[in-house]
């Protein structure tokens, strides 16, 4: 059993890099990163898993076919989770993505009860109730602020709230009486909700396979096998067919790779020693951190983009121009903002 300080450090690293990943993805997208259908944001995750497994596997014994079958089954669940997660992240943004992805904690708790026969501790129940309560409060807040964040973002947020907690909180439709959810928003919501289920399944299966006393798999070995199969399947099925010629923001991609490397190296420790439910609680914590920072930035970005499109006669604003416009409005000392200084 690892020491408390080591587990605390690993938990802190998971929260830190998990908070940085969606923000870096948003930043690279605004700088003209590849088209979301290419799923290039998944490559740093798979590459990092492969490197972590190569350099941390201490057991040199030959892995049996049973081990590879277990890893393959886990890969199917996590591959669907990773593809849908990154697609939802790029299309919907970091804030909306983590609002729905934090619901994976609910699936982790339910699946751990069913597959592992585990009883949750009072602290884990408290964390679970905190996530559900925070999400419900956010849905209640949408009722009064849906018009202020723009129609597209409001529809996406309202759609996530409607599908997930319709039986908990009373919600109203759009004030104009029009279509409640566009086709594009419905696809995003469906991807985000399905990935939360796949994410929870991947967490529970990882814990189950690593804690199996008869035929268990060590954490680094499981990371290596998953990374190898992920990368092979992804390169064959997705990347080669859907590669986009758009320019990729290199610094953000390097940051995503470093974050994925750290996350792959420490997440299995938490899953093995603290359990999948505790890992789900950390997921909810980093979701709250990203929401606290990213919601204001995303809202200002959408408002500035709509204003710029209105003044440009309906022309679409490029992502780099929109991001520069956002920085000029956020920075207090930006050029052109002299009215407040004179006042």
Protein backbone atom coordinates (compact mmCIF):
# COMPACT_ATOMS: atom_id res chain seq x y z
CA UNK A 1 0.00 0.00 0.00
CA UNK A 2 1.35 3.36 -0.96
CA UNK A 3 1.80 6.17 1.55
CA UNK A 4 -0.80 8.87 2.04
CA UNK A 5 1.56 11.56 0.75
CA UNK A 6 2.21 9.60 -2.45
CA UNK A 7 -1.51 9.09 -3.09
CA UNK A 8 -2.17 12.76 -2.38
CA UNK A 9 0.53 13.79 -4.86
CA UNK A 10 -0.89 11.48 -7.52
CA UNK A 11 -4.39 12.85 -6.93
CA UNK A 12 -3.10 16.41 -7.22
CA UNK A 13 -1.35 15.61 -10.50
CA UNK A 14 -4.51 14.04 -11.95
CA UNK A 15 -6.56 17.11 -11.05
CA UNK A 16 -3.90 19.52 -12.36
CA UNK A 17 -3.36 17.91 -15.75
CA UNK A 18 -7.05 17.11 -16.12
CA UNK A 19 -7.81 20.79 -15.65
CA UNK A 20 -5.17 21.86 -18.16
CA UNK A 21 -6.18 19.44 -20.93
CA UNK A 22 -9.60 20.89 -21.91
CA UNK A 23 -8.28 24.45 -21.62
CA UNK A 24 -5.36 23.63 -23.94
CA UNK A 25 -7.75 21.97 -26.37
CA UNK A 26 -9.90 25.11 -26.45
CA UNK A 27 -6.83 27.29 -26.95
CA UNK A 28 -5.49 25.19 -29.83
CA UNK A 29 -8.90 25.10 -31.47
CA UNK A 30 -9.12 28.89 -31.42
CA UNK A 31 -5.66 29.05 -32.99
CA UNK A 32 -6.73 26.98 -35.99
CA UNK A 33 -6.17 23.39 -34.88
CA UNK A 34 -7.26 20.48 -37.03
CA UNK A 35 -10.89 19.77 -37.79
CA UNK A 36 -12.61 17.96 -34.90
CA UNK A 37 -13.62 15.05 -37.14
CA UNK A 38 -9.95 14.08 -37.44
CA UNK A 39 -9.90 13.34 -33.68
CA UNK A 40 -6.26 14.43 -33.49
CA UNK A 41 -6.68 15.43 -29.85
CA UNK A 42 -6.74 11.72 -28.98
CA UNK A 43 -3.23 11.06 -30.31
CA UNK A 44 -1.37 12.59 -27.32
CA UNK A 45 -3.42 10.38 -24.99
CA UNK A 46 -2.56 7.14 -26.77
CA UNK A 47 1.08 8.05 -27.35
CA UNK A 48 1.54 8.94 -23.69
CA UNK A 49 0.00 5.66 -22.55
CA UNK A 50 2.39 3.72 -24.77
CA UNK A 51 5.44 5.57 -23.43
CA UNK A 52 4.39 5.16 -19.80
CA UNK A 53 3.97 1.42 -20.30
CA UNK A 54 7.32 1.04 -22.07
CA UNK A 55 9.34 2.79 -19.36
CA UNK A 56 7.53 1.66 -16.19
CA UNK A 57 6.86 -2.06 -16.77
CA UNK A 58 9.08 -3.86 -14.25
CA UNK A 59 7.64 -7.33 -14.75
CA UNK A 60 9.27 -8.85 -17.83
CA UNK A 61 7.16 -12.01 -17.87
CA UNK A 62 5.29 -12.81 -21.06
CA UNK A 63 1.71 -11.58 -20.95
CA UNK A 64 -0.81 -14.35 -21.53
CA UNK A 65 -3.60 -14.34 -24.07
CA UNK A 66 -6.08 -13.88 -21.23
CA UNK A 67 -4.38 -10.64 -20.24
CA UNK A 68 -4.58 -9.33 -23.80
CA UNK A 69 -8.28 -10.28 -24.02
CA UNK A 70 -8.98 -8.34 -20.86
CA UNK A 71 -7.04 -5.35 -22.13
CA UNK A 72 -8.86 -5.54 -25.46
CA UNK A 73 -12.25 -5.47 -23.77
CA UNK A 74 -11.17 -2.49 -21.71
CA UNK A 75 -9.87 -0.81 -24.86
CA UNK A 76 -13.25 -1.10 -26.56
CA UNK A 77 -14.92 0.79 -23.74
CA UNK A 78 -12.17 3.36 -23.33
CA UNK A 79 -11.68 3.88 -27.07
CA UNK A 80 -15.36 4.80 -27.45
CA UNK A 81 -14.98 7.05 -24.44
CA UNK A 82 -11.86 8.79 -25.76
CA UNK A 83 -13.24 9.38 -29.27
CA UNK A 84 -16.57 10.72 -28.05
CA UNK A 85 -14.90 12.69 -25.27
CA UNK A 86 -12.49 14.53 -27.54
CA UNK A 87 -15.15 15.13 -30.19
CA UNK A 88 -17.45 16.59 -27.56
CA UNK A 89 -14.59 18.61 -26.11
CA UNK A 90 -13.72 20.21 -29.44
CA UNK A 91 -17.28 20.83 -30.58
CA UNK A 92 -18.82 21.92 -27.27
CA UNK A 93 -15.82 23.43 -25.47
CA UNK A 94 -14.18 22.54 -22.17
CA UNK A 95 -16.92 23.89 -19.91
CA UNK A 96 -19.89 22.03 -21.38
CA UNK A 97 -17.80 18.89 -21.85
CA UNK A 98 -16.85 18.68 -18.19
CA UNK A 99 -20.39 19.43 -17.06
CA UNK A 100 -21.57 16.24 -18.74
CA UNK A 101 -18.35 14.26 -18.19
CA UNK A 102 -18.57 14.82 -14.43
CA UNK A 103 -21.65 12.60 -14.51
CA UNK A 104 -19.31 9.66 -15.05
CA UNK A 105 -18.98 9.59 -11.26
CA UNK A 106 -22.61 8.47 -11.04
CA UNK A 107 -21.96 5.63 -13.50
CA UNK A 108 -18.77 4.67 -11.66
CA UNK A 109 -20.67 4.36 -8.39
CA UNK A 110 -23.47 2.28 -9.94
CA UNK A 111 -21.13 0.00 -11.91
CA UNK A 112 -18.86 -0.56 -8.90
CA UNK A 113 -21.89 -1.71 -6.93
CA UNK A 114 -22.96 -4.08 -9.72
CA UNK A 115 -19.62 -5.41 -11.01
CA UNK A 116 -17.43 -5.23 -7.91
CA UNK A 117 -20.04 -5.67 -5.16
CA UNK A 118 -18.56 -2.71 -3.33
CA UNK A 119 -20.11 -0.63 -0.61
CA UNK A 120 -19.32 3.05 -0.85
CA UNK A 121 -17.84 4.86 2.13
CA UNK A 122 -19.64 7.88 3.63
CA UNK A 123 -17.00 10.19 2.14
CA UNK A 124 -17.58 8.76 -1.33
CA UNK A 125 -21.34 9.14 -0.96
CA UNK A 126 -20.77 12.74 0.12
CA UNK A 127 -18.67 13.42 -2.96
CA UNK A 128 -21.30 11.78 -5.18
CA UNK A 129 -24.10 13.85 -3.68
CA UNK A 130 -21.98 16.99 -4.02
CA UNK A 131 -21.53 16.42 -7.75
CA UNK A 132 -25.23 15.78 -8.32
CA UNK A 133 -26.21 18.79 -6.21
CA UNK A 134 -23.78 21.06 -8.04
CA UNK A 135 -25.04 19.90 -11.40
CA UNK A 136 -28.67 20.46 -10.34
CA UNK A 137 -27.86 23.97 -9.15
CA UNK A 138 -26.25 24.69 -12.50
CA UNK A 139 -29.42 23.54 -14.27
CA UNK A 140 -31.49 25.83 -12.07
CA UNK A 141 -29.15 28.70 -12.93
CA UNK A 142 -29.69 28.06 -16.64
CA UNK A 143 -33.36 28.97 -16.29
CA UNK A 144 -32.47 32.56 -15.55
CA UNK A 145 -29.31 32.98 -17.65
CA UNK A 146 -29.95 30.98 -20.82
CA UNK A 147 -30.57 34.11 -22.88
CA UNK A 148 -27.35 35.81 -21.77
CA UNK A 149 -24.89 33.25 -23.11
CA UNK A 150 -26.10 33.16 -26.70
CA UNK A 151 -28.67 30.88 -28.36
CA UNK A 152 -26.29 28.11 -29.43
CA UNK A 153 -24.57 27.69 -26.05
CA UNK A 154 -27.89 28.06 -24.24
CA UNK A 155 -29.45 25.26 -26.29
CA UNK A 156 -26.52 22.93 -25.62
CA UNK A 157 -26.54 23.58 -21.88
CA UNK A 158 -30.30 23.26 -21.72
CA UNK A 159 -30.15 20.02 -23.69
CA UNK A 160 -27.65 18.44 -21.29
CA UNK A 161 -29.78 19.53 -18.35
CA UNK A 162 -33.00 18.28 -19.94
CA UNK A 163 -31.71 14.80 -20.75
CA UNK A 164 -29.97 14.16 -17.45
CA UNK A 165 -32.03 15.76 -14.69
CA UNK A 166 -35.48 16.26 -16.21
CA UNK A 167 -36.97 14.24 -13.33
CA UNK A 168 -35.21 16.33 -10.68
CA UNK A 169 -35.72 19.98 -11.57
CA UNK A 170 -38.56 21.69 -13.45
CA UNK A 171 -37.24 23.38 -16.57
CA UNK A 172 -38.85 25.49 -19.23
CA UNK A 173 -38.41 25.57 -22.99
CA UNK A 174 -36.88 28.34 -25.09
CA UNK A 175 -38.65 31.70 -24.66
CA UNK A 176 -39.36 32.03 -28.39
CA UNK A 177 -41.21 28.72 -28.48
CA UNK A 178 -38.99 27.44 -31.28
CA UNK A 179 -37.07 24.23 -31.66
CA UNK A 180 -35.72 23.11 -28.30
CA UNK A 181 -32.50 21.51 -29.53
CA UNK A 182 -30.81 21.69 -32.90
CA UNK A 183 -29.54 18.57 -34.65
CA UNK A 184 -25.90 19.52 -34.05
CA UNK A 185 -26.54 20.20 -30.36
CA UNK A 186 -28.43 16.91 -30.00
CA UNK A 187 -25.44 15.02 -31.41
CA UNK A 188 -23.08 16.74 -28.99
CA UNK A 189 -25.33 16.00 -26.02
CA UNK A 190 -25.69 12.34 -27.05
CA UNK A 191 -21.91 11.95 -27.39
CA UNK A 192 -21.25 13.57 -24.02
CA UNK A 193 -23.81 11.47 -22.17
CA UNK A 194 -22.68 8.21 -23.79
CA UNK A 195 -19.02 8.97 -23.06
CA UNK A 196 -19.82 9.45 -19.37
CA UNK A 197 -21.16 5.87 -19.30
CA UNK A 198 -18.12 4.56 -21.20
CA UNK A 199 -15.79 6.50 -18.92
CA UNK A 200 -17.35 4.98 -15.83
CA UNK A 201 -17.15 1.49 -17.32
CA UNK A 202 -13.45 1.96 -18.15
CA UNK A 203 -12.68 3.09 -14.58
CA UNK A 204 -14.47 0.13 -12.99
CA UNK A 205 -12.94 -2.45 -15.36
CA UNK A 206 -9.45 -1.04 -14.76
CA UNK A 207 -9.86 -1.42 -11.02
CA UNK A 208 -11.32 -4.93 -11.39
CA UNK A 209 -8.48 -6.20 -13.59
CA UNK A 210 -5.70 -4.72 -11.46
CA UNK A 211 -7.13 -6.07 -8.18
CA UNK A 212 -7.83 -9.60 -9.45
CA UNK A 213 -5.86 -11.85 -7.09
CA UNK A 214 -5.81 -14.88 -9.42
CA UNK A 215 -4.97 -13.37 -12.79
CA UNK A 216 -4.49 -9.65 -12.25
CA UNK A 217 -2.65 -7.20 -14.48
CA UNK A 218 -0.17 -4.69 -13.13
CA UNK A 219 -0.96 -1.04 -13.71
CA UNK A 220 1.95 -0.20 -16.06
CA UNK A 221 1.31 -3.36 -18.09
CA UNK A 222 -2.35 -2.48 -18.50
CA UNK A 223 -1.45 1.06 -19.57
CA UNK A 224 1.06 -0.30 -22.10
CA UNK A 225 -1.36 -2.81 -23.64
CA UNK A 226 -4.16 -0.28 -23.89
CA UNK A 227 -1.88 2.35 -25.39
CA UNK A 228 -0.55 -0.06 -27.99
CA UNK A 229 -3.97 -1.27 -29.09
CA UNK A 230 -5.45 2.22 -28.95
CA UNK A 231 -2.76 3.68 -31.17
CA UNK A 232 -2.96 0.86 -33.71
CA UNK A 233 -6.75 1.03 -34.01
CA UNK A 234 -6.81 4.80 -34.08
CA UNK A 235 -4.18 5.15 -36.80
CA UNK A 236 -5.87 2.53 -38.97
CA UNK A 237 -9.49 3.59 -38.59
CA UNK A 238 -9.50 7.31 -37.94
CA UNK A 239 -6.36 9.34 -38.40
CA UNK A 240 -5.34 8.14 -41.88
CA UNK A 241 -8.85 8.57 -43.26
CA UNK A 242 -9.86 11.83 -41.61
CA UNK A 243 -6.60 13.79 -41.44
CA UNK A 244 -7.22 17.50 -41.86
CA UNK A 245 -4.73 19.86 -43.55
CA UNK A 246 -5.45 22.64 -41.05
CA UNK A 247 -2.50 24.04 -39.12
CA UNK A 248 -2.11 22.69 -35.60
CA UNK A 249 -1.07 24.91 -32.74
CA UNK A 250 2.15 23.16 -31.73
CA UNK A 251 2.64 24.51 -28.22
CA UNK A 252 -0.83 23.42 -27.13
CA UNK A 253 -0.31 19.99 -28.64
CA UNK A 254 2.94 19.58 -26.74
CA UNK A 255 1.14 20.64 -23.58
CA UNK A 256 -1.59 18.09 -24.23
CA UNK A 257 1.02 15.37 -24.69
CA UNK A 258 2.80 16.27 -21.42
CA UNK A 259 -0.51 16.33 -19.53
CA UNK A 260 -1.48 12.97 -21.01
CA UNK A 261 1.92 11.54 -20.08
CA UNK A 262 1.53 12.59 -16.44
CA UNK A 263 -2.08 11.44 -16.29
CA UNK A 264 -1.29 7.99 -17.70
CA UNK A 265 1.55 7.57 -15.22
CA UNK A 266 -0.45 8.32 -12.07
CA UNK A 267 -4.10 7.52 -12.80
CA UNK A 268 -3.65 3.76 -12.54
CA UNK A 269 -2.18 4.23 -9.04
CA UNK A 270 -5.35 5.98 -7.90
CA UNK A 271 -7.59 3.38 -9.54
CA UNK A 272 -5.74 0.52 -7.86
CA UNK A 273 -5.21 1.94 -4.36
CA UNK A 274 -8.12 4.36 -3.90
CA UNK A 275 -10.71 2.84 -6.22
CA UNK A 276 -12.69 3.96 -9.25
CA UNK A 277 -15.19 6.00 -7.23
CA UNK A 278 -12.43 8.14 -5.73
CA UNK A 279 -11.04 8.68 -9.23
CA UNK A 280 -14.50 9.78 -10.30
CA UNK A 281 -14.60 12.31 -7.46
CA UNK A 282 -11.31 13.76 -8.73
CA UNK A 283 -12.88 14.00 -12.19
CA UNK A 284 -15.68 16.09 -10.72
CA UNK A 285 -13.19 18.32 -8.89
CA UNK A 286 -11.24 19.15 -12.03
CA UNK A 287 -14.53 19.72 -13.82
CA UNK A 288 -15.43 22.38 -11.28
CA UNK A 289 -12.02 24.03 -11.71
CA UNK A 290 -12.32 24.16 -15.49
CA UNK A 291 -15.85 25.48 -15.24
CA UNK A 292 -14.79 28.24 -12.84
CA UNK A 293 -12.20 29.53 -15.31
CA UNK A 294 -13.57 28.53 -18.67
CA UNK A 295 -17.21 29.61 -18.40
CA UNK A 296 -16.42 33.32 -18.38
CA UNK A 297 -13.89 33.02 -21.20
CA UNK A 298 -16.23 30.96 -23.38
CA UNK A 299 -19.14 33.35 -22.78
CA UNK A 300 -17.04 36.37 -23.73
CA UNK A 301 -15.72 34.56 -26.77
CA UNK A 302 -19.21 33.81 -28.04
CA UNK A 303 -20.41 37.37 -27.42
CA UNK A 304 -17.42 38.93 -29.16
CA UNK A 305 -17.72 36.54 -32.09
CA UNK A 306 -21.40 37.38 -32.54
CA UNK A 307 -20.69 41.11 -32.36
CA UNK A 308 -17.88 40.83 -34.89
CA UNK A 309 -20.06 38.82 -37.27
CA UNK A 310 -22.80 41.42 -36.98
CA UNK A 311 -20.44 44.29 -37.82
CA UNK A 312 -18.83 42.32 -40.66
CA UNK A 313 -22.17 41.79 -42.38
CA UNK A 314 -22.64 38.17 -41.37
CA UNK A 315 -19.16 36.93 -42.37
CA UNK A 316 -17.70 34.12 -40.32
CA UNK A 317 -14.87 35.15 -38.05
CA UNK A 318 -11.76 33.00 -38.12
CA UNK A 319 -10.77 31.31 -34.89
CA UNK A 320 -7.46 33.14 -34.55
CA UNK A 321 -9.09 36.54 -35.07
CA UNK A 322 -11.79 35.70 -32.55
CA UNK A 323 -9.25 34.63 -29.95
CA UNK A 324 -7.18 37.79 -30.43
CA UNK A 325 -10.35 39.81 -30.07
CA UNK A 326 -11.10 37.98 -26.84
CA UNK A 327 -7.66 38.71 -25.43
CA UNK A 328 -8.05 42.40 -26.20
CA UNK A 329 -11.28 42.50 -24.20
CA UNK A 330 -10.03 40.41 -21.27
CA UNK A 331 -6.70 42.18 -20.74
CA UNK A 332 -7.24 45.43 -18.82
CA UNK A 333 -4.32 47.16 -20.47
CA UNK A 334 -5.14 46.20 -24.06
CA UNK A 335 -4.87 48.76 -26.82
CA UNK A 336 -8.04 50.58 -27.70
CA UNK A 337 -9.50 50.31 -24.19
CA UNK A 338 -9.00 53.89 -23.14
CA UNK A 339 -12.50 54.88 -22.14
CA UNK A 340 -12.29 53.39 -18.70
CA UNK A 341 -8.83 54.87 -18.13
CA UNK A 342 -9.97 58.35 -19.07
CA UNK A 343 -13.00 58.06 -16.86
